[in-house]
């Protein structure tokens, strides 16, 4: 019950940070992080200084958290 309420508070904040191009862990700009080309030509993989990984969708120009299988 408490976890559901916690997620309800945190999720909008995390979505706002991602839409702003900022890391959900440390708040730094993701585009200033180290960049690696992803397997897909429409996506780039970024790794923040705090070790969180993000995928940039070049068409939509939005970030999302990378899945574990995308990091391997």
PDB file of N, CA and C in Angstrom:
ATOM      1  N   UNK A   1       0.820  -1.194   0.000  1.00  0.00           N
ATOM      2  CA  UNK A   1       0.000   0.000   0.000  1.00  0.00           C
ATOM      3  C   UNK A   1       0.864   1.258   0.000  1.00  0.00           C
ATOM      4  N   UNK A   2       1.859   1.264   0.883  1.00  0.00           N
ATOM      5  CA  UNK A   2       2.741   2.427   0.971  1.00  0.00           C
ATOM      6  C   UNK A   2       3.570   2.560  -0.302  1.00  0.00           C
ATOM      7  N   UNK A   3       3.992   1.428  -0.864  1.00  0.00           N
ATOM      8  CA  UNK A   3       4.801   1.466  -2.087  1.00  0.00           C
ATOM      9  C   UNK A   3       4.009   2.086  -3.227  1.00  0.00           C
ATOM     10  N   UNK A   4       2.744   1.758  -3.344  1.00  0.00           N
ATOM     11  CA  UNK A   4       1.902   2.336  -4.386  1.00  0.00           C
ATOM     12  C   UNK A   4       1.789   3.844  -4.267  1.00  0.00           C
ATOM     13  N   UNK A   5       1.666   4.330  -3.056  1.00  0.00           N
ATOM     14  CA  UNK A   5       1.588   5.775  -2.836  1.00  0.00           C
ATOM     15  C   UNK A   5       2.923   6.443  -3.134  1.00  0.00           C
ATOM     16  N   UNK A   6       4.006   5.768  -2.757  1.00  0.00           N
ATOM     17  CA  UNK A   6       5.340   6.294  -3.027  1.00  0.00           C
ATOM     18  C   UNK A   6       5.572   6.421  -4.533  1.00  0.00           C
ATOM     19  N   UNK A   7       5.196   5.377  -5.277  1.00  0.00           N
ATOM     20  CA  UNK A   7       5.348   5.412  -6.735  1.00  0.00           C
ATOM     21  C   UNK A   7       4.485   6.500  -7.358  1.00  0.00           C
ATOM     22  N   UNK A   8       3.315   6.725  -6.805  1.00  0.00           N
ATOM     23  CA  UNK A   8       2.420   7.757  -7.334  1.00  0.00           C
ATOM     24  C   UNK A   8       3.025   9.146  -7.187  1.00  0.00           C
ATOM     25  N   UNK A   9       3.864   9.328  -6.191  1.00  0.00           N
ATOM     26  CA  UNK A   9       4.522  10.617  -5.980  1.00  0.00           C
ATOM     27  C   UNK A   9       5.782  10.730  -6.836  1.00  0.00           C
ATOM     28  N   UNK A  10       6.566   9.665  -6.912  1.00  0.00           N
ATOM     29  CA  UNK A  10       7.863   9.684  -7.588  1.00  0.00           C
ATOM     30  C   UNK A  10       7.740   9.625  -9.109  1.00  0.00           C
ATOM     31  N   UNK A  11       6.812   8.838  -9.632  1.00  0.00           N
ATOM     32  CA  UNK A  11       6.708   8.644 -11.080  1.00  0.00           C
ATOM     33  C   UNK A  11       6.527   9.940 -11.867  1.00  0.00           C
ATOM     34  N   UNK A  12       5.641  10.849 -11.471  1.00  0.00           N
ATOM     35  CA  UNK A  12       5.514  12.100 -12.235  1.00  0.00           C
ATOM     36  C   UNK A  12       6.800  12.929 -12.228  1.00  0.00           C
ATOM     37  N   UNK A  13       7.513  12.896 -11.117  1.00  0.00           N
ATOM     38  CA  UNK A  13       8.783  13.614 -11.025  1.00  0.00           C
ATOM     39  C   UNK A  13       9.816  13.017 -11.978  1.00  0.00           C
ATOM     40  N   UNK A  14       9.884  11.689 -12.026  1.00  0.00           N
ATOM     41  CA  UNK A  14      10.819  11.027 -12.936  1.00  0.00           C
ATOM     42  C   UNK A  14      10.463  11.295 -14.396  1.00  0.00           C
ATOM     43  N   UNK A  15       9.185  11.294 -14.722  1.00  0.00           N
ATOM     44  CA  UNK A  15       8.764  11.568 -16.098  1.00  0.00           C
ATOM     45  C   UNK A  15       9.124  12.995 -16.491  1.00  0.00           C
ATOM     46  N   UNK A  16       8.950  13.930 -15.573  1.00  0.00           N
ATOM     47  CA  UNK A  16       9.308  15.324 -15.830  1.00  0.00           C
ATOM     48  C   UNK A  16      10.808  15.454 -16.070  1.00  0.00           C
ATOM     49  N   UNK A  17      11.618  14.766 -15.264  1.00  0.00           N
ATOM     50  CA  UNK A  17      13.071  14.809 -15.447  1.00  0.00           C
ATOM     51  C   UNK A  17      13.465  14.242 -16.809  1.00  0.00           C
ATOM     52  N   UNK A  18      12.876  13.114 -17.196  1.00  0.00           N
ATOM     53  CA  UNK A  18      13.194  12.514 -18.492  1.00  0.00           C
ATOM     54  C   UNK A  18      12.776  13.422 -19.644  1.00  0.00           C
ATOM     55  N   UNK A  19      11.615  14.045 -19.555  1.00  0.00           N
ATOM     56  CA  UNK A  19      11.171  14.968 -20.603  1.00  0.00           C
ATOM     57  C   UNK A  19      12.083  16.182 -20.691  1.00  0.00           C
ATOM     58  N   UNK A  20      12.694  16.543 -19.562  1.00  0.00           N
ATOM     59  CA  UNK A  20      13.628  17.672 -19.530  1.00  0.00           C
ATOM     60  C   UNK A  20      15.037  17.261 -19.946  1.00  0.00           C
ATOM     61  N   UNK A  21      15.225  15.963 -20.225  1.00  0.00           N
ATOM     62  CA  UNK A  21      16.544  15.474 -20.628  1.00  0.00           C
ATOM     63  C   UNK A  21      17.512  15.345 -19.469  1.00  0.00           C
ATOM     64  N   UNK A  22      16.978  15.086 -18.275  1.00  0.00           N
ATOM     65  CA  UNK A  22      17.820  14.979 -17.081  1.00  0.00           C
ATOM     66  C   UNK A  22      17.726  13.578 -16.480  1.00  0.00           C
ATOM     67  N   UNK A  23      18.799  13.183 -15.835  1.00  0.00           N
ATOM     68  CA  UNK A  23      18.890  11.878 -15.190  1.00  0.00           C
ATOM     69  C   UNK A  23      17.941  11.825 -13.998  1.00  0.00           C
ATOM     70  N   UNK A  24      17.244  10.700 -13.831  1.00  0.00           N
ATOM     71  CA  UNK A  24      16.317  10.560 -12.707  1.00  0.00           C
ATOM     72  C   UNK A  24      17.052  10.288 -11.401  1.00  0.00           C
ATOM     73  N   UNK A  25      18.331   9.945 -11.479  1.00  0.00           N
ATOM     74  CA  UNK A  25      19.102   9.661 -10.274  1.00  0.00           C
ATOM     75  C   UNK A  25      19.816  10.865  -9.716  1.00  0.00           C
ATOM     76  N   UNK A  26      20.518  11.603 -10.592  1.00  0.00           N
ATOM     77  CA  UNK A  26      21.340  12.717 -10.108  1.00  0.00           C
ATOM     78  C   UNK A  26      20.898  14.073 -10.644  1.00  0.00           C
ATOM     79  N   UNK A  27      20.037  14.108 -11.655  1.00  0.00           N
ATOM     80  CA  UNK A  27      19.516  15.364 -12.181  1.00  0.00           C
ATOM     81  C   UNK A  27      20.394  16.047 -13.213  1.00  0.00           C
ATOM     82  N   UNK A  28      21.518  15.421 -13.588  1.00  0.00           N
ATOM     83  CA  UNK A  28      22.405  16.033 -14.580  1.00  0.00           C
ATOM     84  C   UNK A  28      21.839  15.835 -15.985  1.00  0.00           C
ATOM     85  N   UNK A  29      22.258  16.693 -16.916  1.00  0.00           N
ATOM     86  CA  UNK A  29      21.791  16.579 -18.296  1.00  0.00           C
ATOM     87  C   UNK A  29      22.322  15.293 -18.920  1.00  0.00           C
ATOM     88  N   UNK A  30      21.422  14.525 -19.520  1.00  0.00           N
ATOM     89  CA  UNK A  30      21.806  13.243 -20.104  1.00  0.00           C
ATOM     90  C   UNK A  30      22.677  13.448 -21.338  1.00  0.00           C
ATOM     91  N   UNK A  31      22.417  14.474 -22.124  1.00  0.00           N
ATOM     92  CA  UNK A  31      23.192  14.703 -23.343  1.00  0.00           C
ATOM     93  C   UNK A  31      24.658  15.000 -23.061  1.00  0.00           C
ATOM     94  N   UNK A  32      24.986  15.421 -21.849  1.00  0.00           N
ATOM     95  CA  UNK A  32      26.379  15.675 -21.482  1.00  0.00           C
ATOM     96  C   UNK A  32      27.070  14.408 -20.983  1.00  0.00           C
ATOM     97  N   UNK A  33      26.341  13.297 -20.915  1.00  0.00           N
ATOM     98  CA  UNK A  33      26.885  12.021 -20.467  1.00  0.00           C
ATOM     99  C   UNK A  33      27.626  11.349 -21.612  1.00  0.00           C
ATOM    100  N   UNK A  34      28.304  10.250 -21.290  1.00  0.00           N
ATOM    101  CA  UNK A  34      29.013   9.519 -22.341  1.00  0.00           C
ATOM    102  C   UNK A  34      28.000   8.843 -23.263  1.00  0.00           C
ATOM    103  N   UNK A  35      28.287   8.910 -24.557  1.00  0.00           N
ATOM    104  CA  UNK A  35      27.355   8.407 -25.567  1.00  0.00           C
ATOM    105  C   UNK A  35      27.977   7.233 -26.296  1.00  0.00           C
ATOM    106  N   UNK A  36      27.160   6.223 -26.540  1.00  0.00           N
ATOM    107  CA  UNK A  36      27.552   5.089 -27.366  1.00  0.00           C
ATOM    108  C   UNK A  36      26.443   4.885 -28.377  1.00  0.00           C
ATOM    109  N   UNK A  37      26.786   4.556 -29.577  1.00  0.00           N
ATOM    110  CA  UNK A  37      25.760   4.277 -30.580  1.00  0.00           C
ATOM    111  C   UNK A  37      25.047   2.982 -30.220  1.00  0.00           C
ATOM    112  N   UNK A  38      23.767   2.997 -30.326  1.00  0.00           N
ATOM    113  CA  UNK A  38      22.966   1.818 -30.049  1.00  0.00           C
ATOM    114  C   UNK A  38      22.900   0.946 -31.297  1.00  0.00           C
ATOM    115  N   UNK A  39      22.352  -0.236 -31.142  1.00  0.00           N
ATOM    116  CA  UNK A  39      22.232  -1.143 -32.288  1.00  0.00           C
ATOM    117  C   UNK A  39      21.292  -0.599 -33.350  1.00  0.00           C
ATOM    118  N   UNK A  40      20.299   0.136 -32.929  1.00  0.00           N
ATOM    119  CA  UNK A  40      19.306   0.687 -33.845  1.00  0.00           C
ATOM    120  C   UNK A  40      19.776   2.062 -34.303  1.00  0.00           C
ATOM    121  N   UNK A  41      19.657   2.366 -35.597  1.00  0.00           N
ATOM    122  CA  UNK A  41      20.143   3.656 -36.103  1.00  0.00           C
ATOM    123  C   UNK A  41      19.305   4.836 -35.619  1.00  0.00           C
ATOM    124  N   UNK A  42      18.117   4.559 -35.082  1.00  0.00           N
ATOM    125  CA  UNK A  42      17.247   5.631 -34.592  1.00  0.00           C
ATOM    126  C   UNK A  42      17.391   5.874 -33.094  1.00  0.00           C
ATOM    127  N   UNK A  43      18.288   5.127 -32.446  1.00  0.00           N
ATOM    128  CA  UNK A  43      18.446   5.254 -31.001  1.00  0.00           C
ATOM    129  C   UNK A  43      19.918   5.338 -30.626  1.00  0.00           C
ATOM    130  N   UNK A  44      20.215   6.148 -29.614  1.00  0.00           N
ATOM    131  CA  UNK A  44      21.559   6.240 -29.057  1.00  0.00           C
ATOM    132  C   UNK A  44      21.499   5.864 -27.587  1.00  0.00           C
ATOM    133  N   UNK A  45      22.568   5.249 -27.110  1.00  0.00           N
ATOM    134  CA  UNK A  45      22.672   4.845 -25.718  1.00  0.00           C
ATOM    135  C   UNK A  45      23.557   5.829 -24.972  1.00  0.00           C
ATOM    136  N   UNK A  46      23.069   6.358 -23.864  1.00  0.00           N
ATOM    137  CA  UNK A  46      23.821   7.283 -23.016  1.00  0.00           C
ATOM    138  C   UNK A  46      23.945   6.673 -21.626  1.00  0.00           C
ATOM    139  N   UNK A  47      25.108   6.845 -21.012  1.00  0.00           N
ATOM    140  CA  UNK A  47      25.321   6.395 -19.645  1.00  0.00           C
ATOM    141  C   UNK A  47      25.706   7.594 -18.795  1.00  0.00           C
ATOM    142  N   UNK A  48      24.929   7.857 -17.774  1.00  0.00           N
ATOM    143  CA  UNK A  48      25.171   8.993 -16.886  1.00  0.00           C
ATOM    144  C   UNK A  48      26.352   8.695 -15.956  1.00  0.00           C
ATOM    145  N   UNK A  49      26.871   9.734 -15.320  1.00  0.00           N
ATOM    146  CA  UNK A  49      27.957   9.564 -14.355  1.00  0.00           C
ATOM    147  C   UNK A  49      27.540   8.679 -13.186  1.00  0.00           C
ATOM    148  N   UNK A  50      26.254   8.653 -12.871  1.00  0.00           N
ATOM    149  CA  UNK A  50      25.757   7.827 -11.766  1.00  0.00           C
ATOM    150  C   UNK A  50      25.435   6.404 -12.230  1.00  0.00           C
ATOM    151  N   UNK A  51      25.853   6.055 -13.447  1.00  0.00           N
ATOM    152  CA  UNK A  51      25.755   4.696 -14.015  1.00  0.00           C
ATOM    153  C   UNK A  51      24.364   4.290 -14.480  1.00  0.00           C
ATOM    154  N   UNK A  52      23.427   5.209 -14.548  1.00  0.00           N
ATOM    155  CA  UNK A  52      22.119   4.881 -15.118  1.00  0.00           C
ATOM    156  C   UNK A  52      22.211   5.020 -16.628  1.00  0.00           C
ATOM    157  N   UNK A  53      21.558   4.108 -17.346  1.00  0.00           N
ATOM    158  CA  UNK A  53      21.627   4.105 -18.801  1.00  0.00           C
ATOM    159  C   UNK A  53      20.293   4.553 -19.389  1.00  0.00           C
ATOM    160  N   UNK A  54      20.383   5.326 -20.470  1.00  0.00           N
ATOM    161  CA  UNK A  54      19.205   5.886 -21.130  1.00  0.00           C
ATOM    162  C   UNK A  54      19.306   5.679 -22.630  1.00  0.00           C
ATOM    163  N   UNK A  55      18.157   5.554 -23.269  1.00  0.00           N
ATOM    164  CA  UNK A  55      18.066   5.459 -24.721  1.00  0.00           C
ATOM    165  C   UNK A  55      17.408   6.739 -25.225  1.00  0.00           C
ATOM    166  N   UNK A  56      18.058   7.379 -26.195  1.00  0.00           N
ATOM    167  CA  UNK A  56      17.490   8.560 -26.847  1.00  0.00           C
ATOM    168  C   UNK A  56      16.846   8.115 -28.147  1.00  0.00           C
ATOM    169  N   UNK A  57      15.554   8.325 -28.274  1.00  0.00           N
ATOM    170  CA  UNK A  57      14.840   8.065 -29.520  1.00  0.00           C
ATOM    171  C   UNK A  57      15.020   9.305 -30.387  1.00  0.00           C
ATOM    172  N   UNK A  58      15.779   9.154 -31.479  1.00  0.00           N
ATOM    173  CA  UNK A  58      16.109  10.313 -32.314  1.00  0.00           C
ATOM    174  C   UNK A  58      14.887  10.899 -33.017  1.00  0.00           C
ATOM    175  N   UNK A  59      13.928  10.052 -33.372  1.00  0.00           N
ATOM    176  CA  UNK A  59      12.729  10.547 -34.061  1.00  0.00           C
ATOM    177  C   UNK A  59      11.841  11.349 -33.117  1.00  0.00           C
ATOM    178  N   UNK A  60      11.576  10.797 -31.931  1.00  0.00           N
ATOM    179  CA  UNK A  60      10.700  11.464 -30.964  1.00  0.00           C
ATOM    180  C   UNK A  60      11.449  12.487 -30.122  1.00  0.00           C
ATOM    181  N   UNK A  61      12.787  12.383 -30.112  1.00  0.00           N
ATOM    182  CA  UNK A  61      13.651  13.251 -29.290  1.00  0.00           C
ATOM    183  C   UNK A  61      13.277  13.155 -27.812  1.00  0.00           C
ATOM    184  N   UNK A  62      13.094  11.911 -27.355  1.00  0.00           N
ATOM    185  CA  UNK A  62      12.769  11.659 -25.957  1.00  0.00           C
ATOM    186  C   UNK A  62      13.709  10.598 -25.388  1.00  0.00           C
ATOM    187  N   UNK A  63      13.888  10.641 -24.072  1.00  0.00           N
ATOM    188  CA  UNK A  63      14.706   9.656 -23.377  1.00  0.00           C
ATOM    189  C   UNK A  63      13.820   8.663 -22.659  1.00  0.00           C
ATOM    190  N   UNK A  64      14.378   7.466 -22.457  1.00  0.00           N
ATOM    191  CA  UNK A  64      13.752   6.456 -21.616  1.00  0.00           C
ATOM    192  C   UNK A  64      14.873   5.658 -20.970  1.00  0.00           C
ATOM    193  N   UNK A  65      14.571   4.989 -19.879  1.00  0.00           N
ATOM    194  CA  UNK A  65      15.569   4.157 -19.225  1.00  0.00           C
ATOM    195  C   UNK A  65      15.851   2.950 -20.112  1.00  0.00           C
ATOM    196  N   UNK A  66      17.109   2.569 -20.198  1.00  0.00           N
ATOM    197  CA  UNK A  66      17.507   1.417 -21.004  1.00  0.00           C
ATOM    198  C   UNK A  66      17.181   0.125 -20.260  1.00  0.00           C
ATOM    199  N   UNK A  67      16.785  -0.885 -21.011  1.00  0.00           N
ATOM    200  CA  UNK A  67      16.528  -2.201 -20.442  1.00  0.00           C
ATOM    201  C   UNK A  67      17.853  -2.940 -20.272  1.00  0.00           C
ATOM    202  N   UNK A  68      17.901  -3.903 -19.355  1.00  0.00           N
ATOM    203  CA  UNK A  68      19.135  -4.653 -19.127  1.00  0.00           C
ATOM    204  C   UNK A  68      19.606  -5.366 -20.384  1.00  0.00           C
ATOM    205  N   UNK A  69      18.688  -5.906 -21.179  1.00  0.00           N
ATOM    206  CA  UNK A  69      19.084  -6.619 -22.394  1.00  0.00           C
ATOM    207  C   UNK A  69      19.669  -5.668 -23.441  1.00  0.00           C
ATOM    208  N   UNK A  70      19.369  -4.380 -23.370  1.00  0.00           N
ATOM    209  CA  UNK A  70      19.926  -3.404 -24.301  1.00  0.00           C
ATOM    210  C   UNK A  70      21.355  -3.015 -23.927  1.00  0.00           C
ATOM    211  N   UNK A  71      21.748  -3.298 -22.705  1.00  0.00           N
ATOM    212  CA  UNK A  71      23.088  -2.957 -22.243  1.00  0.00           C
ATOM    213  C   UNK A  71      24.099  -4.051 -22.546  1.00  0.00           C
ATOM    214  N   UNK A  72      23.636  -5.263 -22.775  1.00  0.00           N
ATOM    215  CA  UNK A  72      24.540  -6.399 -23.016  1.00  0.00           C
ATOM    216  C   UNK A  72      25.101  -6.396 -24.415  1.00  0.00           C
TER     217      UNK A  72
END
